[in-house]
Structures are given as structure tokens and as C-alpha cells.
Amino acid sequence: AAVSTPPAISNTPAKRDYYWLRSFVAGGVAGCCAKTTIAPLDRV
């Protein structure tokens, strides 16, 4: 998703806010899962 432009969405502020919030959550969850998986290797 980081190399593609987000799809066209409604111009209403609420939907714009919700899009960024959902994007924020998606990136954060993915990062936490990935880092926890390789945490022992990071410590080493």
C-alpha cells in the first residue's frame, strides 16, 4: 500500500478522517506483528 496512491474518496471531512485513521491502524498493527516476530533477532 505504501507504493500505491489511496483510492479516490469522498471529500467530506468525516470520511477523510476515517480513511487516515484506518490507514494509521493498519500500518501500526502490521508493524507491531512484524517486529514481535523478529524481536529475538533484533535483540541479538
All heavy atoms as atom14 arrays in JSON, in Angstrom:
{
  "sequence": "AAVSTPPAISNTPAKRDYYWLRSFVAGGVAGCCAKTTIAPLDRV",
  "atom14_mask": [
    [1, 1, 1, 1, 1, 0, 0, 0, 0, 0, 0, 0, 0, 0],
    [1, 1, 1, 1, 1, 0, 0, 0, 0, 0, 0, 0, 0, 0],
    [1, 1, 1, 1, 1, 1, 1, 0, 0, 0, 0, 0, 0, 0],
    [1, 1, 1, 1, 1, 1, 0, 0, 0, 0, 0, 0, 0, 0],
    [1, 1, 1, 1, 1, 1, 1, 0, 0, 0, 0, 0, 0, 0],
    [1, 1, 1, 1, 1, 1, 1, 0, 0, 0, 0, 0, 0, 0],
    [1, 1, 1, 1, 1, 1, 1, 0, 0, 0, 0, 0, 0, 0],
    [1, 1, 1, 1, 1, 0, 0, 0, 0, 0, 0, 0, 0, 0],
    [1, 1, 1, 1, 1, 1, 1, 1, 0, 0, 0, 0, 0, 0],
    [1, 1, 1, 1, 1, 1, 0, 0, 0, 0, 0, 0, 0, 0],
    [1, 1, 1, 1, 1, 1, 1, 1, 0, 0, 0, 0, 0, 0],
    [1, 1, 1, 1, 1, 1, 1, 0, 0, 0, 0, 0, 0, 0],
    [1, 1, 1, 1, 1, 1, 1, 0, 0, 0, 0, 0, 0, 0],
    [1, 1, 1, 1, 1, 0, 0, 0, 0, 0, 0, 0, 0, 0],
    [1, 1, 1, 1, 1, 1, 1, 1, 1, 0, 0, 0, 0, 0],
    [1, 1, 1, 1, 1, 1, 1, 1, 1, 1, 1, 0, 0, 0],
    [1, 1, 1, 1, 1, 1, 1, 1, 0, 0, 0, 0, 0, 0],
    [1, 1, 1, 1, 1, 1, 1, 1, 1, 1, 1, 1, 0, 0],
    [1, 1, 1, 1, 1, 1, 1, 1, 1, 1, 1, 1, 0, 0],
    [1, 1, 1, 1, 1, 1, 1, 1, 1, 1, 1, 1, 1, 1],
    [1, 1, 1, 1, 1, 1, 1, 1, 0, 0, 0, 0, 0, 0],
    [1, 1, 1, 1, 1, 1, 1, 1, 1, 1, 1, 0, 0, 0],
    [1, 1, 1, 1, 1, 1, 0, 0, 0, 0, 0, 0, 0, 0],
    [1, 1, 1, 1, 1, 1, 1, 1, 1, 1, 1, 0, 0, 0],
    [1, 1, 1, 1, 1, 1, 1, 0, 0, 0, 0, 0, 0, 0],
    [1, 1, 1, 1, 1, 0, 0, 0, 0, 0, 0, 0, 0, 0],
    [1, 1, 1, 1, 0, 0, 0, 0, 0, 0, 0, 0, 0, 0],
    [1, 1, 1, 1, 0, 0, 0, 0, 0, 0, 0, 0, 0, 0],
    [1, 1, 1, 1, 1, 1, 1, 0, 0, 0, 0, 0, 0, 0],
    [1, 1, 1, 1, 1, 0, 0, 0, 0, 0, 0, 0, 0, 0],
    [1, 1, 1, 1, 0, 0, 0, 0, 0, 0, 0, 0, 0, 0],
    [1, 1, 1, 1, 1, 1, 0, 0, 0, 0, 0, 0, 0, 0],
    [1, 1, 1, 1, 1, 1, 0, 0, 0, 0, 0, 0, 0, 0],
    [1, 1, 1, 1, 1, 0, 0, 0, 0, 0, 0, 0, 0, 0],
    [1, 1, 1, 1, 1, 1, 1, 1, 1, 0, 0, 0, 0, 0],
    [1, 1, 1, 1, 1, 1, 1, 0, 0, 0, 0, 0, 0, 0],
    [1, 1, 1, 1, 1, 1, 1, 0, 0, 0, 0, 0, 0, 0],
    [1, 1, 1, 1, 1, 1, 1, 1, 0, 0, 0, 0, 0, 0],
    [1, 1, 1, 1, 1, 0, 0, 0, 0, 0, 0, 0, 0, 0],
    [1, 1, 1, 1, 1, 1, 1, 0, 0, 0, 0, 0, 0, 0],
    [1, 1, 1, 1, 1, 1, 1, 1, 0, 0, 0, 0, 0, 0],
    [1, 1, 1, 1, 1, 1, 1, 1, 0, 0, 0, 0, 0, 0],
    [1, 1, 1, 1, 1, 1, 1, 1, 1, 1, 1, 0, 0, 0],
    [1, 1, 1, 1, 1, 1, 1, 0, 0, 0, 0, 0, 0, 0]
  ],
  "atom14_positions": [
    [[0.82, -1.2, 0.0], [0.0, 0.0, 0.0], [0.85, 1.24, 0.0], [0.41, 2.31, -0.41], [-0.93, 0.01, 1.21], [0.0, 0.0, 0.0], [0.0, 0.0, 0.0], [0.0, 0.0, 0.0], [0.0, 0.0, 0.0], [0.0, 0.0, 0.0], [0.0, 0.0, 0.0], [0.0, 0.0, 0.0], [0.0, 0.0, 0.0], [0.0, 0.0, 0.0]],
    [[2.08, 1.11, 0.47], [2.94, 2.27, 0.57], [3.43, 2.74, -0.77], [3.99, 3.81, -0.89], [4.14, 1.96, 1.47], [0.0, 0.0, 0.0], [0.0, 0.0, 0.0], [0.0, 0.0, 0.0], [0.0, 0.0, 0.0], [0.0, 0.0, 0.0], [0.0, 0.0, 0.0], [0.0, 0.0, 0.0], [0.0, 0.0, 0.0], [0.0, 0.0, 0.0]],
    [[3.28, 1.93, -1.79], [3.75, 2.32, -3.1], [2.59, 2.59, -4.05], [2.75, 2.65, -5.24], [4.67, 1.24, -3.7], [5.93, 1.14, -2.88], [3.96, -0.1, -3.79], [0.0, 0.0, 0.0], [0.0, 0.0, 0.0], [0.0, 0.0, 0.0], [0.0, 0.0, 0.0], [0.0, 0.0, 0.0], [0.0, 0.0, 0.0], [0.0, 0.0, 0.0]],
    [[1.39, 2.69, -3.51], [0.24, 3.0, -4.34], [-0.51, 4.16, -3.73], [-0.49, 4.39, -2.54], [-0.68, 1.77, -4.44], [-1.12, 1.39, -3.16], [0.0, 0.0, 0.0], [0.0, 0.0, 0.0], [0.0, 0.0, 0.0], [0.0, 0.0, 0.0], [0.0, 0.0, 0.0], [0.0, 0.0, 0.0], [0.0, 0.0, 0.0], [0.0, 0.0, 0.0]],
    [[-1.18, 4.92, -4.55], [-1.92, 6.08, -4.09], [-3.28, 5.64, -3.59], [-3.95, 4.83, -4.22], [-2.09, 7.08, -5.25], [-0.81, 7.42, -5.73], [-2.83, 8.32, -4.79], [0.0, 0.0, 0.0], [0.0, 0.0, 0.0], [0.0, 0.0, 0.0], [0.0, 0.0, 0.0], [0.0, 0.0, 0.0], [0.0, 0.0, 0.0], [0.0, 0.0, 0.0]],
    [[-3.74, 6.15, -2.45], [-5.04, 5.77, -1.92], [-6.14, 6.06, -2.93], [-6.05, 7.02, -3.7], [-5.2, 6.63, -0.66], [-3.81, 6.94, -0.26], [-3.05, 7.06, -1.54], [0.0, 0.0, 0.0], [0.0, 0.0, 0.0], [0.0, 0.0, 0.0], [0.0, 0.0, 0.0], [0.0, 0.0, 0.0], [0.0, 0.0, 0.0], [0.0, 0.0, 0.0]],
    [[-7.2, 5.25, -2.95], [-8.28, 5.44, -3.9], [-9.01, 6.74, -3.64], [-8.97, 7.3, -2.55], [-9.18, 4.23, -3.63], [-8.91, 3.86, -2.22], [-7.46, 4.14, -2.03], [0.0, 0.0, 0.0], [0.0, 0.0, 0.0], [0.0, 0.0, 0.0], [0.0, 0.0, 0.0], [0.0, 0.0, 0.0], [0.0, 0.0, 0.0], [0.0, 0.0, 0.0]],
    [[-9.71, 7.19, -4.66], [-10.48, 8.41, -4.53], [-11.57, 8.2, -3.5], [-12.29, 7.21, -3.51], [-11.1, 8.78, -5.87], [0.0, 0.0, 0.0], [0.0, 0.0, 0.0], [0.0, 0.0, 0.0], [0.0, 0.0, 0.0], [0.0, 0.0, 0.0], [0.0, 0.0, 0.0], [0.0, 0.0, 0.0], [0.0, 0.0, 0.0], [0.0, 0.0, 0.0]],
    [[-11.7, 9.13, -2.6], [-12.72, 9.0, -1.56], [-13.52, 10.28, -1.49], [-13.16, 11.3, -2.08], [-12.08, 8.71, -0.18], [-11.07, 9.82, 0.18], [-11.4, 7.37, -0.18], [-10.48, 9.67, 1.54], [0.0, 0.0, 0.0], [0.0, 0.0, 0.0], [0.0, 0.0, 0.0], [0.0, 0.0, 0.0], [0.0, 0.0, 0.0], [0.0, 0.0, 0.0]],
    [[-14.59, 10.22, -0.76], [-15.46, 11.38, -0.63], [-14.72, 12.55, -0.04], [-13.81, 12.4, 0.76], [-16.66, 11.02, 0.25], [-17.42, 12.15, 0.58], [0.0, 0.0, 0.0], [0.0, 0.0, 0.0], [0.0, 0.0, 0.0], [0.0, 0.0, 0.0], [0.0, 0.0, 0.0], [0.0, 0.0, 0.0], [0.0, 0.0, 0.0], [0.0, 0.0, 0.0]],
    [[-15.14, 13.76, -0.38], [-14.47, 14.95, 0.11], [-14.99, 15.39, 1.47], [-14.54, 16.39, 2.01], [-14.67, 16.11, -0.87], [-13.84, 15.91, -2.13], [-12.75, 15.34, -2.06], [-14.36, 16.35, -3.26], [0.0, 0.0, 0.0], [0.0, 0.0, 0.0], [0.0, 0.0, 0.0], [0.0, 0.0, 0.0], [0.0, 0.0, 0.0], [0.0, 0.0, 0.0]],
    [[-15.96, 14.65, 2.03], [-16.45, 15.04, 3.35], [-15.37, 14.82, 4.38], [-14.66, 13.82, 4.36], [-17.69, 14.2, 3.73], [-17.33, 12.83, 3.72], [-18.83, 14.46, 2.76], [0.0, 0.0, 0.0], [0.0, 0.0, 0.0], [0.0, 0.0, 0.0], [0.0, 0.0, 0.0], [0.0, 0.0, 0.0], [0.0, 0.0, 0.0], [0.0, 0.0, 0.0]],
    [[-15.2, 15.78, 5.31], [-14.13, 15.68, 6.31], [-14.18, 14.39, 7.1], [-13.17, 13.81, 7.42], [-14.39, 16.91, 7.2], [-15.11, 17.89, 6.31], [-15.95, 17.05, 5.42], [0.0, 0.0, 0.0], [0.0, 0.0, 0.0], [0.0, 0.0, 0.0], [0.0, 0.0, 0.0], [0.0, 0.0, 0.0], [0.0, 0.0, 0.0], [0.0, 0.0, 0.0]],
    [[-15.42, 13.92, 7.42], [-15.52, 12.72, 8.25], [-14.88, 11.53, 7.56], [-14.13, 10.78, 8.17], [-16.99, 12.43, 8.55], [0.0, 0.0, 0.0], [0.0, 0.0, 0.0], [0.0, 0.0, 0.0], [0.0, 0.0, 0.0], [0.0, 0.0, 0.0], [0.0, 0.0, 0.0], [0.0, 0.0, 0.0], [0.0, 0.0, 0.0], [0.0, 0.0, 0.0]],
    [[-15.18, 11.35, 6.27], [-14.64, 10.2, 5.56], [-13.15, 10.33, 5.37], [-12.42, 9.35, 5.37], [-15.35, 10.03, 4.22], [-16.79, 9.54, 4.38], [-17.4, 9.15, 3.04], [-18.8, 8.57, 3.24], [-19.4, 8.15, 1.96], [0.0, 0.0, 0.0], [0.0, 0.0, 0.0], [0.0, 0.0, 0.0], [0.0, 0.0, 0.0], [0.0, 0.0, 0.0]],
    [[-12.66, 11.54, 5.18], [-11.21, 11.72, 5.07], [-10.54, 11.33, 6.38], [-9.52, 10.66, 6.4], [-10.89, 13.17, 4.7], [-11.14, 13.51, 3.24], [-10.29, 14.7, 2.83], [-10.56, 15.87, 3.66], [-11.48, 16.79, 3.37], [-12.25, 16.65, 2.31], [-11.66, 17.84, 4.15], [0.0, 0.0, 0.0], [0.0, 0.0, 0.0], [0.0, 0.0, 0.0]],
    [[-11.14, 11.78, 7.5], [-10.57, 11.45, 8.81], [-10.59, 9.95, 9.03], [-9.64, 9.36, 9.52], [-11.35, 12.16, 9.91], [-11.14, 13.66, 9.9], [-10.14, 14.09, 9.28], [-11.95, 14.39, 10.47], [0.0, 0.0, 0.0], [0.0, 0.0, 0.0], [0.0, 0.0, 0.0], [0.0, 0.0, 0.0], [0.0, 0.0, 0.0], [0.0, 0.0, 0.0]],
    [[-11.69, 9.32, 8.71], [-11.78, 7.88, 8.9], [-10.78, 7.14, 8.04], [-10.22, 6.13, 8.45], [-13.2, 7.39, 8.58], [-14.24, 7.78, 9.61], [-15.53, 8.13, 9.23], [-13.92, 7.8, 10.97], [-16.48, 8.49, 10.17], [-14.86, 8.16, 11.91], [-16.14, 8.5, 11.52], [-17.07, 8.85, 12.45], [0.0, 0.0, 0.0], [0.0, 0.0, 0.0]],
    [[-10.52, 7.63, 6.83], [-9.56, 6.95, 5.98], [-8.17, 6.98, 6.61], [-7.49, 5.96, 6.7], [-9.49, 7.59, 4.58], [-8.41, 6.96, 3.73], [-8.66, 5.78, 3.04], [-7.12, 7.5, 3.68], [-7.67, 5.17, 2.3], [-6.12, 6.89, 2.95], [-6.4, 5.74, 2.25], [-5.41, 5.12, 1.54], [0.0, 0.0, 0.0], [0.0, 0.0, 0.0]],
    [[-7.74, 8.14, 7.07], [-6.4, 8.24, 7.66], [-6.32, 7.45, 8.96], [-5.28, 6.87, 9.28], [-6.03, 9.71, 7.89], [-5.83, 10.46, 6.61], [-6.56, 11.51, 6.15], [-4.85, 10.17, 5.62], [-6.09, 11.9, 4.92], [-5.04, 11.1, 4.57], [-3.83, 9.22, 5.5], [-4.25, 11.11, 3.43], [-3.05, 9.22, 4.37], [-3.25, 10.16, 3.35]],
    [[-7.42, 7.42, 9.71], [-7.42, 6.65, 10.95], [-7.29, 5.16, 10.65], [-6.51, 4.45, 11.3], [-8.72, 6.92, 11.73], [-8.9, 6.13, 13.03], [-7.78, 6.46, 14.01], [-10.26, 6.44, 13.66], [0.0, 0.0, 0.0], [0.0, 0.0, 0.0], [0.0, 0.0, 0.0], [0.0, 0.0, 0.0], [0.0, 0.0, 0.0], [0.0, 0.0, 0.0]],
    [[-8.03, 4.69, 9.66], [-7.94, 3.28, 9.29], [-6.55, 2.95, 8.75], [-5.99, 1.89, 9.04], [-9.0, 2.94, 8.23], [-10.43, 3.1, 8.71], [-11.42, 2.38, 7.8], [-11.28, 2.78, 6.42], [-11.92, 3.78, 5.84], [-12.74, 4.54, 6.58], [-11.76, 4.05, 4.56], [0.0, 0.0, 0.0], [0.0, 0.0, 0.0], [0.0, 0.0, 0.0]],
    [[-6.0, 3.87, 7.97], [-4.65, 3.66, 7.44], [-3.62, 3.62, 8.56], [-2.69, 2.8, 8.56], [-4.31, 4.78, 6.46], [-3.0, 4.64, 5.96], [0.0, 0.0, 0.0], [0.0, 0.0, 0.0], [0.0, 0.0, 0.0], [0.0, 0.0, 0.0], [0.0, 0.0, 0.0], [0.0, 0.0, 0.0], [0.0, 0.0, 0.0], [0.0, 0.0, 0.0]],
    [[-3.8, 4.5, 9.54], [-2.91, 4.55, 10.7], [-2.92, 3.22, 11.45], [-1.88, 2.66, 11.79], [-3.35, 5.69, 11.62], [-2.4, 6.01, 12.74], [-1.47, 7.02, 12.61], [-2.44, 5.29, 13.92], [-0.6, 7.32, 13.65], [-1.57, 5.57, 14.96], [-0.64, 6.59, 14.82], [0.0, 0.0, 0.0], [0.0, 0.0, 0.0], [0.0, 0.0, 0.0]],
    [[-4.13, 2.72, 11.72], [-4.29, 1.46, 12.45], [-3.67, 0.3, 11.67], [-2.97, -0.55, 12.23], [-5.77, 1.19, 12.75], [-5.95, -0.22, 13.32], [-6.31, 2.22, 13.73], [0.0, 0.0, 0.0], [0.0, 0.0, 0.0], [0.0, 0.0, 0.0], [0.0, 0.0, 0.0], [0.0, 0.0, 0.0], [0.0, 0.0, 0.0], [0.0, 0.0, 0.0]],
    [[-3.94, 0.25, 10.36], [-3.42, -0.85, 9.54], [-1.91, -0.89, 9.57], [-1.31, -1.96, 9.76], [-3.92, -0.69, 8.1], [0.0, 0.0, 0.0], [0.0, 0.0, 0.0], [0.0, 0.0, 0.0], [0.0, 0.0, 0.0], [0.0, 0.0, 0.0], [0.0, 0.0, 0.0], [0.0, 0.0, 0.0], [0.0, 0.0, 0.0], [0.0, 0.0, 0.0]],
    [[-1.27, 0.25, 9.39], [0.19, 0.3, 9.41], [0.77, -0.03, 10.77], [1.77, -0.74, 10.87], [0.0, 0.0, 0.0], [0.0, 0.0, 0.0], [0.0, 0.0, 0.0], [0.0, 0.0, 0.0], [0.0, 0.0, 0.0], [0.0, 0.0, 0.0], [0.0, 0.0, 0.0], [0.0, 0.0, 0.0], [0.0, 0.0, 0.0], [0.0, 0.0, 0.0]],
    [[0.12, 0.47, 11.82], [0.61, 0.21, 13.17], [0.51, -1.25, 13.56], [1.46, -1.82, 14.12], [0.0, 0.0, 0.0], [0.0, 0.0, 0.0], [0.0, 0.0, 0.0], [0.0, 0.0, 0.0], [0.0, 0.0, 0.0], [0.0, 0.0, 0.0], [0.0, 0.0, 0.0], [0.0, 0.0, 0.0], [0.0, 0.0, 0.0], [0.0, 0.0, 0.0]],
    [[-0.62, -1.88, 13.26], [-0.8, -3.3, 13.59], [0.19, -4.17, 12.83], [0.81, -5.09, 13.38], [-2.24, -3.74, 13.29], [-2.38, -5.26, 13.4], [-3.22, -3.05, 14.24], [0.0, 0.0, 0.0], [0.0, 0.0, 0.0], [0.0, 0.0, 0.0], [0.0, 0.0, 0.0], [0.0, 0.0, 0.0], [0.0, 0.0, 0.0], [0.0, 0.0, 0.0]],
    [[0.35, -3.88, 11.53], [1.29, -4.65, 10.72], [2.72, -4.52, 11.26], [3.46, -5.51, 11.34], [1.24, -4.18, 9.27], [0.0, 0.0, 0.0], [0.0, 0.0, 0.0], [0.0, 0.0, 0.0], [0.0, 0.0, 0.0], [0.0, 0.0, 0.0], [0.0, 0.0, 0.0], [0.0, 0.0, 0.0], [0.0, 0.0, 0.0], [0.0, 0.0, 0.0]],
    [[3.11, -3.31, 11.64], [4.44, -3.1, 12.17], [4.68, -3.84, 13.47], [5.73, -4.46, 13.66], [0.0, 0.0, 0.0], [0.0, 0.0, 0.0], [0.0, 0.0, 0.0], [0.0, 0.0, 0.0], [0.0, 0.0, 0.0], [0.0, 0.0, 0.0], [0.0, 0.0, 0.0], [0.0, 0.0, 0.0], [0.0, 0.0, 0.0], [0.0, 0.0, 0.0]],
    [[3.69, -3.81, 14.36], [3.83, -4.5, 15.65], [3.94, -6.01, 15.47], [4.76, -6.66, 16.11], [2.65, -4.16, 16.54], [2.67, -2.48, 17.2], [0.0, 0.0, 0.0], [0.0, 0.0, 0.0], [0.0, 0.0, 0.0], [0.0, 0.0, 0.0], [0.0, 0.0, 0.0], [0.0, 0.0, 0.0], [0.0, 0.0, 0.0], [0.0, 0.0, 0.0]],
    [[3.12, -6.57, 14.59], [3.18, -8.01, 14.35], [4.53, -8.42, 13.77], [5.12, -9.42, 14.18], [2.05, -8.43, 13.41], [0.4, -8.33, 14.13], [0.0, 0.0, 0.0], [0.0, 0.0, 0.0], [0.0, 0.0, 0.0], [0.0, 0.0, 0.0], [0.0, 0.0, 0.0], [0.0, 0.0, 0.0], [0.0, 0.0, 0.0], [0.0, 0.0, 0.0]],
    [[5.01, -7.64, 12.8], [6.28, -7.96, 12.16], [7.44, -7.87, 13.14], [8.31, -8.74, 13.19], [6.51, -7.02, 10.97], [0.0, 0.0, 0.0], [0.0, 0.0, 0.0], [0.0, 0.0, 0.0], [0.0, 0.0, 0.0], [0.0, 0.0, 0.0], [0.0, 0.0, 0.0], [0.0, 0.0, 0.0], [0.0, 0.0, 0.0], [0.0, 0.0, 0.0]],
    [[7.46, -6.81, 13.95], [8.56, -6.61, 14.88], [8.56, -7.63, 16.0], [9.62, -8.06, 16.46], [8.52, -5.19, 15.45], [9.04, -4.13, 14.5], [10.51, -4.34, 14.2], [11.07, -3.25, 13.31], [12.51, -3.47, 13.01], [0.0, 0.0, 0.0], [0.0, 0.0, 0.0], [0.0, 0.0, 0.0], [0.0, 0.0, 0.0], [0.0, 0.0, 0.0]],
    [[7.39, -8.03, 16.47], [7.33, -9.05, 17.51], [7.86, -10.38, 16.99], [8.54, -11.12, 17.72], [5.88, -9.22, 18.0], [5.42, -7.98, 18.56], [5.8, -10.3, 19.07], [0.0, 0.0, 0.0], [0.0, 0.0, 0.0], [0.0, 0.0, 0.0], [0.0, 0.0, 0.0], [0.0, 0.0, 0.0], [0.0, 0.0, 0.0], [0.0, 0.0, 0.0]],
    [[7.58, -10.68, 15.74], [8.04, -11.93, 15.14], [9.56, -12.01, 15.12], [10.14, -13.07, 15.38], [7.5, -12.06, 13.7], [6.08, -12.04, 13.73], [7.98, -13.36, 13.06], [0.0, 0.0, 0.0], [0.0, 0.0, 0.0], [0.0, 0.0, 0.0], [0.0, 0.0, 0.0], [0.0, 0.0, 0.0], [0.0, 0.0, 0.0], [0.0, 0.0, 0.0]],
    [[10.22, -10.89, 14.84], [11.68, -10.91, 14.71], [12.39, -10.27, 15.9], [13.59, -9.99, 15.84], [12.12, -10.19, 13.42], [11.71, -8.7, 13.47], [11.54, -10.88, 12.2], [12.33, -7.87, 12.37], [0.0, 0.0, 0.0], [0.0, 0.0, 0.0], [0.0, 0.0, 0.0], [0.0, 0.0, 0.0], [0.0, 0.0, 0.0], [0.0, 0.0, 0.0]],
    [[11.66, -10.06, 17.01], [12.26, -9.43, 18.19], [13.52, -10.14, 18.68], [14.51, -9.48, 19.03], [11.23, -9.33, 19.31], [0.0, 0.0, 0.0], [0.0, 0.0, 0.0], [0.0, 0.0, 0.0], [0.0, 0.0, 0.0], [0.0, 0.0, 0.0], [0.0, 0.0, 0.0], [0.0, 0.0, 0.0], [0.0, 0.0, 0.0], [0.0, 0.0, 0.0]],
    [[13.55, -11.49, 18.74], [14.8, -12.15, 19.18], [15.99, -11.82, 18.28], [17.11, -11.62, 18.77], [14.44, -13.64, 19.1], [12.96, -13.68, 19.29], [12.46, -12.46, 18.56], [0.0, 0.0, 0.0], [0.0, 0.0, 0.0], [0.0, 0.0, 0.0], [0.0, 0.0, 0.0], [0.0, 0.0, 0.0], [0.0, 0.0, 0.0], [0.0, 0.0, 0.0]],
    [[15.76, -11.74, 17.0], [16.85, -11.41, 16.07], [17.29, -9.96, 16.25], [18.48, -9.65, 16.14], [16.41, -11.66, 14.63], [16.06, -13.11, 14.29], [15.51, -13.21, 12.87], [17.28, -14.0, 14.44], [0.0, 0.0, 0.0], [0.0, 0.0, 0.0], [0.0, 0.0, 0.0], [0.0, 0.0, 0.0], [0.0, 0.0, 0.0], [0.0, 0.0, 0.0]],
    [[16.35, -9.06, 16.55], [16.71, -7.66, 16.79], [17.56, -7.53, 18.05], [18.51, -6.74, 18.09], [15.45, -6.81, 16.93], [14.89, -6.36, 15.58], [15.66, -6.35, 14.61], [13.69, -6.03, 15.51], [0.0, 0.0, 0.0], [0.0, 0.0, 0.0], [0.0, 0.0, 0.0], [0.0, 0.0, 0.0], [0.0, 0.0, 0.0], [0.0, 0.0, 0.0]],
    [[17.21, -8.3, 19.09], [18.0, -8.24, 20.33], [19.43, -8.71, 20.07], [20.4, -8.09, 20.53], [17.35, -9.16, 21.39], [18.23, -9.3, 22.66], [17.84, -8.33, 23.74], [18.93, -8.08, 24.67], [19.25, -8.86, 25.71], [18.57, -9.95, 25.94], [20.24, -8.53, 26.49], [0.0, 0.0, 0.0], [0.0, 0.0, 0.0], [0.0, 0.0, 0.0]],
    [[19.58, -9.8, 19.33], [20.9, -10.31, 19.02], [21.68, -9.31, 18.17], [22.88, -9.11, 18.37], [20.79, -11.67, 18.29], [22.14, -12.1, 17.74], [20.25, -12.72, 19.23], [0.0, 0.0, 0.0], [0.0, 0.0, 0.0], [0.0, 0.0, 0.0], [0.0, 0.0, 0.0], [0.0, 0.0, 0.0], [0.0, 0.0, 0.0], [0.0, 0.0, 0.0]]
  ]
}
